Structure formats: C-alpha cells, structure tokens
Amino acid sequence: MNPVMTIVMRNHQEIKIELFYENAPNSISGLMEAIENHAFDMMPIERVVPDFVLQPWCDENTKSEFYQYVCDGEFHNEKHTFGAYCVGLAGDGEKISVPSCFFITLSDHVTHLNQKFAMIGKVISGFEEIRRIEHSQLIDVPCEEENVIIKRPKDDEIIETIRIEYHDCQPQPVEKYLA
C-alpha cells in the first residue's frame, strides 16, 4: 500500500493524497522529511490559479535553509501523468525538484507539466475543500513573469499540519543539495 499524506487545514477539513513512491522515491522522501520537520505547519495557500493549480508557499528567503534544498528531478516517468487533482513538486521544469514546495492540479488541462515536474501523487479525498479554496474570493498577486497570473485567497487559507501514513513504505535517505 502506498503512503498517504493528509493535509489538515485550519478549518479542520482534510485533503488526503496517495503518494506514488515508486514514481519519484527521492523527491517523495524529501517531501516526507519536510513533513516530519513540520515544514508546512501553519503555511498559507499563497497561489491559486483557477483551473490550473493550488499551491502552499513560503518566502524561502525568510525561512530556514531547509526550504532552499532541491533534488534531482524525477519527472521522466511516463507511468504517471498529470491530470485533475494530481500532486507535483515545484522545480525549474528542467532538472530539479523542490521537496518543500508541492502543488495540486485543478483540471485536466495540465498535460504541459508532464516530463517537467515530478508527479508524486493523487488526491483521494477532500475534493470539496480543494474546490472551496479554488472558488474562494481571490486577489491578484504581483508577478514579474510575462503571461503568468497568480492569485491568492483574500481570506487566509492555512495548512495547520500535514501527517504521513507510511504503510509499507520505508523512505530512503534524501539526496539533496542547496540551490
């Protein structure tokens, strides 16, 4: 049985995600390490792009060095491809993944993410909470990249904590380096 990640929101709603460990073992081990170190506790959902992604975010410049670690991207796997309610790790879209920064896709119009970002899991429950956040009142966030629209919820949406149920999974030591 695959490990399951449970996001507990401040409003006590839960989002459960099955992690596909065999798809990206190093990246997922890095995510598990981040969760074990409470890296997401009290982190806000800072990026919502309707019909695209929902993403917790922190300013890594104001957080510990832990948030600046990256690992080699494990996204050249055709077994799992992005669609609605898939979970991926942020990165540069070429070589690296960032285990402390994940996103949830919101539609099937995300196939351009395949082979560029590690697809590490799929939402198995909590769809109503995801849709509630996606359709909450959003405000624009300034972005320097051309043609990129970023919004965040007007009212804070906070991850209280994230738990992991490992089941039969034994995470490996993470091969990571500072960006």
Foldseek 3Di string as FASTA:
>chain_A
DFKKKWFQWPVRFIWIKGWPCVQPQQLVLLLVVCQVVQVQAFFWFFWADAQFKTWTDDDVVVDDLSQQKKAWFRQPDPPDFDAAQWKWFDDDQPTIGGSSIMMTTHGRPHRVSHSRIRGTTGTDDDVVVVVCQNPADWDWDDDPDPPDTTIGHPDTITGNHMDMDGVPDDRDPHDIDGD
